[in-house]
Amino acid sequence: MPYNAMRLVPTDFERLPQDVPFLGRHARECGLTARQLDSWTRAGLLVRPLRGVYHAGDISDTLALRLACVKLLVPSGAVVTDRTAAWLHGASMALAPNDHLVVPRVHLFLTPGNRLRNGIVASGERQLLARDCLKLDGLSVTTALRTACDLGRLLHRDAALGAMDALHALNQFSIDQLIREERRFKGFRGVRQLRDLVSLVDGRAQSPGESALRLRWYDAGLPLPTLQCPVPGPAGSTYFLDMGLPCCKLGAEYDGEAFHGETFFARDSARRTWITERQGWRLVVMDRSNVYGHRQDAIEMLRQAAVENPSKCSAHRFF
């Protein structure tokens, strides 16, 4: 295949827009095939942020770019909702697990009586008030607050808290506002779950796994933890635990593959050795298998750690 010697890319690639997103069908109109698009996507020359939408791999991921991608799929009068709205607001952690691998569909809703049916968008009907929506460069999107309420109602409990944590981290609403807003959804599907979660939301969680582990912490009967809990480190430095009870020196961490895989083993081991041996903490470290997977023993591990914790803190009665 001929290549452009200056850019080291196939010459056919230059038929595509280089600075704006485009639809797959546009590429086919330019004489390119789905196989070429897939090959260039795997090579990093293209990015496919949404089903049916592509852009050049060297374009920076910005809100303007995300809006341009969504606009290619959204018909007039539609409102972008749920995980797609969270993504547009900047809460990428609200996406479903592995959505970055399979490419998420756009979530949007139309006026009552209308519904889109295709493989690119997840569409339906939803009653929305004027205050539930805002305009982002002409695109109607549910507010961060309404999005948090919808995801808190409709997602699985683990994913719901993770999405609400990520949206709260944007500082577009307070916990008090979230609690007040929950009351308007009386009788709606999933409102009981939403009611249970609103007071637990904390934007300091740094991953969906941390949010899910925090739910296991609550389910184990432990008191509300401090998130990003500081622990004195060597030479005046400070280490931070995902969650902990400073008075009892009991902490827990979630090891996701992205930031706690083999590459980071030595770093994590040294930090945790200092925290446990030099600072006297009882630390429970878990991964996906403990929180989500075949073991699902996180609650048992946390309860055992609380029982074995040598702290003399008597302010908390764990169970």
Protein backbone atom coordinates (compact mmCIF):
# COMPACT_ATOMS: atom_id res chain seq x y z
CA MET A 1 0.00 0.00 0.00
CA PRO A 2 1.46 3.43 -0.94
CA TYR A 3 2.52 5.61 2.00
CA ASN A 4 2.98 9.33 2.42
CA ALA A 5 6.70 9.55 3.20
CA MET A 6 6.30 12.73 5.26
CA ARG A 7 3.55 11.45 7.58
CA LEU A 8 4.22 7.68 7.41
CA VAL A 9 0.52 6.97 6.82
CA PRO A 10 -1.23 5.27 3.89
CA THR A 11 -1.99 7.73 1.11
CA ASP A 12 -5.62 6.52 1.10
CA PHE A 13 -5.87 7.79 4.67
CA GLU A 14 -5.63 11.36 3.41
CA ARG A 15 -9.03 11.03 1.77
CA LEU A 16 -10.51 11.34 5.25
CA PRO A 17 -11.10 14.56 7.22
CA GLN A 18 -8.03 15.20 9.34
CA ASP A 19 -9.34 17.77 11.82
CA VAL A 20 -13.02 16.91 12.42
CA PRO A 21 -14.94 13.70 13.21
CA PHE A 22 -16.82 11.91 10.46
CA LEU A 23 -19.25 9.05 9.97
CA GLY A 24 -18.24 5.65 8.69
CA ARG A 25 -20.56 6.04 5.76
CA HIS A 26 -18.67 9.20 4.76
CA ALA A 27 -15.50 7.12 4.54
CA ARG A 28 -17.26 4.59 2.33
CA GLU A 29 -18.45 7.41 0.08
CA CYS A 30 -14.76 8.31 -0.27
CA GLY A 31 -14.08 4.82 -1.60
CA LEU A 32 -12.68 3.34 1.62
CA THR A 33 -13.71 0.04 3.16
CA ALA A 34 -14.74 -1.03 6.65
CA ARG A 35 -11.64 -3.23 6.74
CA GLN A 36 -9.41 -0.22 6.14
CA LEU A 37 -11.13 1.74 8.91
CA ASP A 38 -10.73 -1.16 11.33
CA SER A 39 -7.07 -1.56 10.43
CA TRP A 40 -6.32 2.13 10.88
CA THR A 41 -8.22 2.17 14.17
CA ARG A 42 -6.15 -0.73 15.50
CA ALA A 43 -3.00 1.07 14.37
CA GLY A 44 -4.01 4.27 16.19
CA LEU A 45 -4.38 6.36 13.05
CA LEU A 46 -8.10 6.61 13.77
CA VAL A 47 -10.13 6.74 16.97
CA ARG A 48 -13.70 5.42 17.11
CA PRO A 49 -15.21 7.16 20.19
CA LEU A 50 -18.79 6.16 19.31
CA ARG A 51 -20.30 3.55 17.06
CA GLY A 52 -20.19 4.73 13.49
CA VAL A 53 -18.06 7.82 14.31
CA TYR A 54 -14.32 8.26 13.71
CA HIS A 55 -11.70 10.96 13.94
CA ALA A 56 -7.97 11.18 13.31
CA GLY A 57 -5.89 9.74 16.14
CA ASP A 58 -3.77 12.88 16.59
CA ILE A 59 -6.73 15.13 17.50
CA SER A 60 -6.81 16.00 21.21
CA ASP A 61 -9.77 14.69 23.20
CA THR A 62 -11.69 17.83 24.18
CA LEU A 63 -15.28 18.68 25.01
CA ALA A 64 -15.59 20.35 21.62
CA LEU A 65 -14.48 17.15 19.90
CA ARG A 66 -16.87 14.99 21.93
CA LEU A 67 -19.75 17.33 21.13
CA ALA A 68 -18.89 17.22 17.43
CA CYS A 69 -18.89 13.40 17.55
CA VAL A 70 -22.28 13.21 19.26
CA LYS A 71 -23.82 15.79 16.94
CA LEU A 72 -23.18 13.51 14.00
CA LEU A 73 -25.62 10.98 15.49
CA VAL A 74 -28.22 13.03 17.32
CA PRO A 75 -31.38 14.13 15.50
CA SER A 76 -33.10 17.46 16.09
CA GLY A 77 -35.14 17.58 19.28
CA ALA A 78 -33.25 14.77 21.03
CA VAL A 79 -31.74 15.06 24.49
CA VAL A 80 -28.47 13.31 25.29
CA THR A 81 -28.81 11.43 28.57
CA ASP A 82 -27.32 8.87 30.92
CA ARG A 83 -23.77 7.64 30.33
CA THR A 84 -23.29 9.70 27.17
CA ALA A 85 -24.33 12.86 29.02
CA ALA A 86 -21.92 12.01 31.84
CA TRP A 87 -19.15 11.50 29.27
CA LEU A 88 -19.87 14.89 27.71
CA HIS A 89 -19.81 16.58 31.10
CA GLY A 90 -16.37 15.08 31.67
CA ALA A 91 -17.21 12.11 33.90
CA SER A 92 -15.65 9.44 31.70
CA MET A 93 -15.65 6.94 34.57
CA ALA A 94 -19.43 6.77 34.24
CA LEU A 95 -19.05 4.75 31.05
CA ALA A 96 -19.80 1.06 31.26
CA PRO A 97 -16.87 -1.29 31.98
CA ASN A 98 -14.78 -1.81 28.82
CA ASP A 99 -16.82 0.72 26.83
CA HIS A 100 -13.47 2.12 25.70
CA LEU A 101 -12.88 -1.27 24.04
CA VAL A 102 -16.26 -2.00 22.48
CA VAL A 103 -17.22 1.63 21.69
CA PRO A 104 -20.31 2.84 23.55
CA ARG A 105 -23.63 3.68 21.98
CA VAL A 106 -25.02 7.18 22.37
CA HIS A 107 -27.78 7.42 24.98
CA LEU A 108 -30.50 9.89 24.04
CA PHE A 109 -34.22 10.43 24.43
CA LEU A 110 -36.82 12.01 22.22
CA THR A 111 -40.14 13.65 22.89
CA PRO A 112 -42.91 11.26 24.01
CA GLY A 113 -44.13 9.03 21.19
CA ASN A 114 -40.81 8.98 19.34
CA ARG A 115 -38.03 6.40 19.51
CA LEU A 116 -34.95 5.70 17.41
CA ARG A 117 -34.13 2.09 16.63
CA ASN A 118 -30.65 1.36 15.33
CA GLY A 119 -27.36 -0.12 16.50
CA ILE A 120 -25.68 3.21 17.16
CA VAL A 121 -27.93 4.89 19.71
CA ALA A 122 -29.72 3.60 22.80
CA SER A 123 -32.93 5.58 22.60
CA GLY A 124 -36.28 5.83 24.32
CA GLU A 125 -38.68 8.27 25.91
CA ARG A 126 -38.26 10.16 29.15
CA GLN A 127 -40.14 12.96 30.90
CA LEU A 128 -37.77 15.88 31.40
CA LEU A 129 -38.35 19.32 32.89
CA ALA A 130 -36.79 22.40 31.36
CA ARG A 131 -34.39 22.65 34.30
CA ASP A 132 -33.19 19.09 33.63
CA CYS A 133 -31.43 20.10 30.43
CA LEU A 134 -28.79 22.53 29.26
CA LYS A 135 -27.24 23.42 25.95
CA LEU A 136 -23.68 22.46 25.10
CA ASP A 137 -22.78 24.12 21.81
CA GLY A 138 -26.38 23.80 20.66
CA LEU A 139 -26.78 20.20 21.82
CA SER A 140 -29.39 19.45 24.48
CA VAL A 141 -27.90 17.42 27.34
CA THR A 142 -29.25 16.49 30.76
CA THR A 143 -27.55 18.43 33.55
CA ALA A 144 -24.97 16.72 35.73
CA LEU A 145 -27.53 16.64 38.55
CA ARG A 146 -30.29 15.03 36.48
CA THR A 147 -27.78 12.65 34.92
CA ALA A 148 -26.61 11.57 38.38
CA CYS A 149 -30.20 10.88 39.44
CA ASP A 150 -30.94 8.88 36.30
CA LEU A 151 -27.79 6.78 36.52
CA GLY A 152 -28.32 6.31 40.24
CA ARG A 153 -31.76 4.85 39.50
CA LEU A 154 -31.11 2.83 36.41
CA LEU A 155 -27.65 1.29 36.60
CA HIS A 156 -26.53 -1.68 38.65
CA ARG A 157 -25.80 -0.58 42.21
CA ASP A 158 -22.01 -0.72 41.81
CA ALA A 159 -21.99 1.17 38.52
CA ALA A 160 -24.57 3.64 39.82
CA LEU A 161 -22.43 4.79 42.73
CA GLY A 162 -19.35 4.97 40.52
CA ALA A 163 -21.16 7.16 38.01
CA MET A 164 -22.61 9.42 40.71
CA ASP A 165 -19.18 9.76 42.35
CA ALA A 166 -17.66 10.74 38.99
CA LEU A 167 -20.36 13.34 38.34
CA HIS A 168 -20.09 14.77 41.84
CA ALA A 169 -16.36 15.23 41.27
CA LEU A 170 -17.21 17.79 38.56
CA ASN A 171 -18.43 20.18 41.32
CA GLN A 172 -21.66 20.97 39.47
CA PHE A 173 -23.94 19.99 42.36
CA SER A 174 -23.70 19.41 46.09
CA ILE A 175 -24.74 16.37 48.09
CA ASP A 176 -27.54 18.43 49.64
CA GLN A 177 -28.83 19.28 46.16
CA LEU A 178 -28.66 15.63 45.19
CA ILE A 179 -30.61 14.57 48.27
CA ARG A 180 -33.28 17.20 47.61
CA GLU A 181 -33.53 16.23 43.94
CA GLU A 182 -34.01 12.56 44.77
CA ARG A 183 -37.39 13.34 46.34
CA ARG A 184 -38.96 14.26 43.00
CA PHE A 185 -38.48 10.72 41.69
CA LYS A 186 -40.93 9.11 44.09
CA GLY A 187 -42.66 6.29 42.21
CA PHE A 188 -40.03 6.17 39.45
CA ARG A 189 -38.22 2.99 38.53
CA GLY A 190 -35.13 2.48 40.68
CA VAL A 191 -35.90 5.26 43.15
CA ARG A 192 -35.29 3.01 46.17
CA GLN A 193 -31.72 2.41 45.05
CA LEU A 194 -31.26 6.10 44.32
CA ARG A 195 -32.52 6.95 47.81
CA ASP A 196 -30.04 4.50 49.35
CA LEU A 197 -27.08 5.88 47.41
CA VAL A 198 -27.45 9.67 47.45
CA SER A 199 -25.98 10.15 50.92
CA LEU A 200 -23.04 7.86 50.09
CA VAL A 201 -21.86 9.77 47.01
CA ASP A 202 -18.33 11.14 47.27
CA GLY A 203 -16.46 12.74 44.39
CA ARG A 204 -13.08 11.85 45.88
CA ALA A 205 -13.37 8.28 44.58
CA GLN A 206 -10.88 7.89 41.77
CA SER A 207 -12.21 4.83 39.97
CA PRO A 208 -15.39 2.76 39.64
CA GLY A 209 -13.58 -0.03 41.49
CA GLU A 210 -13.01 2.25 44.48
CA SER A 211 -16.69 3.14 44.50
CA ALA A 212 -17.71 -0.52 44.42
CA LEU A 213 -15.25 -1.37 47.19
CA ARG A 214 -16.75 1.43 49.27
CA LEU A 215 -20.15 -0.21 48.92
CA ARG A 216 -18.65 -3.45 50.23
CA TRP A 217 -17.22 -1.43 53.12
CA TYR A 218 -20.69 -0.16 54.01
CA ASP A 219 -22.20 -3.62 53.54
CA ALA A 220 -19.63 -4.96 56.00
CA GLY A 221 -21.11 -2.66 58.66
CA LEU A 222 -18.11 -0.35 58.94
CA PRO A 223 -18.49 3.39 59.65
CA LEU A 224 -18.22 5.93 56.86
CA PRO A 225 -14.55 6.05 55.80
CA THR A 226 -12.33 8.95 54.88
CA LEU A 227 -11.61 8.84 51.16
CA GLN A 228 -8.08 9.53 49.93
CA CYS A 229 -7.14 9.08 53.57
CA PRO A 230 -3.74 10.67 54.34
CA VAL A 231 -1.02 8.69 56.09
CA PRO A 232 2.41 10.18 56.97
CA GLY A 233 5.10 8.88 54.64
CA PRO A 234 8.90 8.95 54.78
CA ALA A 235 10.85 12.23 54.81
CA GLY A 236 7.76 14.34 55.43
CA SER A 237 5.82 12.95 52.47
CA THR A 238 2.20 11.84 52.56
CA TYR A 239 0.64 8.65 51.28
CA PHE A 240 -3.07 8.36 50.50
CA LEU A 241 -5.26 5.32 51.00
CA ASP A 242 -8.37 4.79 48.89
CA MET A 243 -10.39 4.75 52.11
CA GLY A 244 -9.70 4.41 55.81
CA LEU A 245 -10.63 5.05 59.43
CA PRO A 246 -7.76 7.12 60.88
CA CYS A 247 -8.90 6.65 64.49
CA CYS A 248 -8.70 2.87 64.10
CA LYS A 249 -5.92 2.75 61.52
CA LEU A 250 -8.01 0.49 59.31
CA GLY A 251 -7.80 1.01 55.55
CA ALA A 252 -8.70 -0.59 52.23
CA GLU A 253 -7.52 -0.18 48.66
CA TYR A 254 -8.70 -1.37 45.26
CA ASP A 255 -6.01 -2.46 42.82
CA GLY A 256 -7.21 -1.88 39.29
CA GLU A 257 -5.01 -3.08 36.43
CA ALA A 258 -4.53 0.40 34.99
CA PHE A 259 -2.66 1.80 37.99
CA HIS A 260 -1.75 -1.19 40.14
CA GLY A 261 -0.57 -3.89 37.75
CA GLU A 262 2.83 -5.55 37.61
CA THR A 263 4.46 -2.30 36.49
CA PHE A 264 3.60 -0.67 39.82
CA PHE A 265 4.16 -3.67 42.11
CA ALA A 266 7.44 -2.46 43.65
CA ARG A 267 6.06 1.02 44.26
CA ASP A 268 2.87 -0.26 45.87
CA SER A 269 4.73 -2.82 47.98
CA ALA A 270 7.12 -0.23 49.42
CA ARG A 271 4.31 2.20 50.19
CA ARG A 272 2.14 -0.41 51.87
CA THR A 273 5.03 -1.84 53.88
CA TRP A 274 5.67 1.63 55.28
CA ILE A 275 1.98 2.16 56.09
CA THR A 276 1.55 -1.18 57.87
CA GLU A 277 4.94 -1.69 59.54
CA ARG A 278 5.97 1.88 60.29
CA GLN A 279 2.59 3.50 60.81
CA GLY A 280 0.72 0.53 62.32
CA TRP A 281 -2.22 0.38 59.92
CA ARG A 282 -4.27 -2.71 59.13
CA LEU A 283 -4.61 -2.56 55.33
CA VAL A 284 -6.90 -4.70 53.16
CA VAL A 285 -5.93 -4.77 49.48
CA MET A 286 -8.37 -6.15 46.92
CA ASP A 287 -8.70 -6.52 43.18
CA ARG A 288 -11.52 -7.22 40.78
CA SER A 289 -11.86 -10.86 41.82
CA ASN A 290 -12.56 -9.85 45.42
CA VAL A 291 -15.04 -7.09 44.62
CA TYR A 292 -16.74 -8.31 41.45
CA GLY A 293 -15.32 -11.66 40.43
CA HIS A 294 -15.52 -15.30 41.35
CA ARG A 295 -14.38 -14.75 44.93
CA GLN A 296 -16.57 -11.79 45.92
CA ASP A 297 -15.17 -12.04 49.43
CA ALA A 298 -14.60 -8.34 50.03
CA ILE A 299 -17.19 -8.06 52.81
CA GLU A 300 -15.75 -11.05 54.64
CA MET A 301 -12.20 -9.69 54.29
CA LEU A 302 -13.19 -6.28 55.64
CA ARG A 303 -15.05 -7.73 58.61
CA GLN A 304 -12.12 -9.98 59.44
CA ALA A 305 -9.72 -7.04 59.28
CA ALA A 306 -11.95 -5.03 61.63
CA VAL A 307 -12.03 -7.88 64.14
CA GLU A 308 -8.28 -8.39 63.99
CA ASN A 309 -7.46 -4.70 64.06
CA PRO A 310 -5.37 -4.11 67.18
CA SER A 311 -6.54 -0.55 67.60
CA LYS A 312 -7.98 0.39 70.97
CA CYS A 313 -10.42 2.77 69.34
CA SER A 314 -13.69 2.10 71.13
CA ALA A 315 -15.73 4.84 69.46
CA HIS A 316 -16.95 2.47 66.75
CA ARG A 317 -18.79 -0.78 67.20
CA PHE A 318 -18.35 -2.41 63.81
CA PHE A 319 -21.16 -4.96 63.68
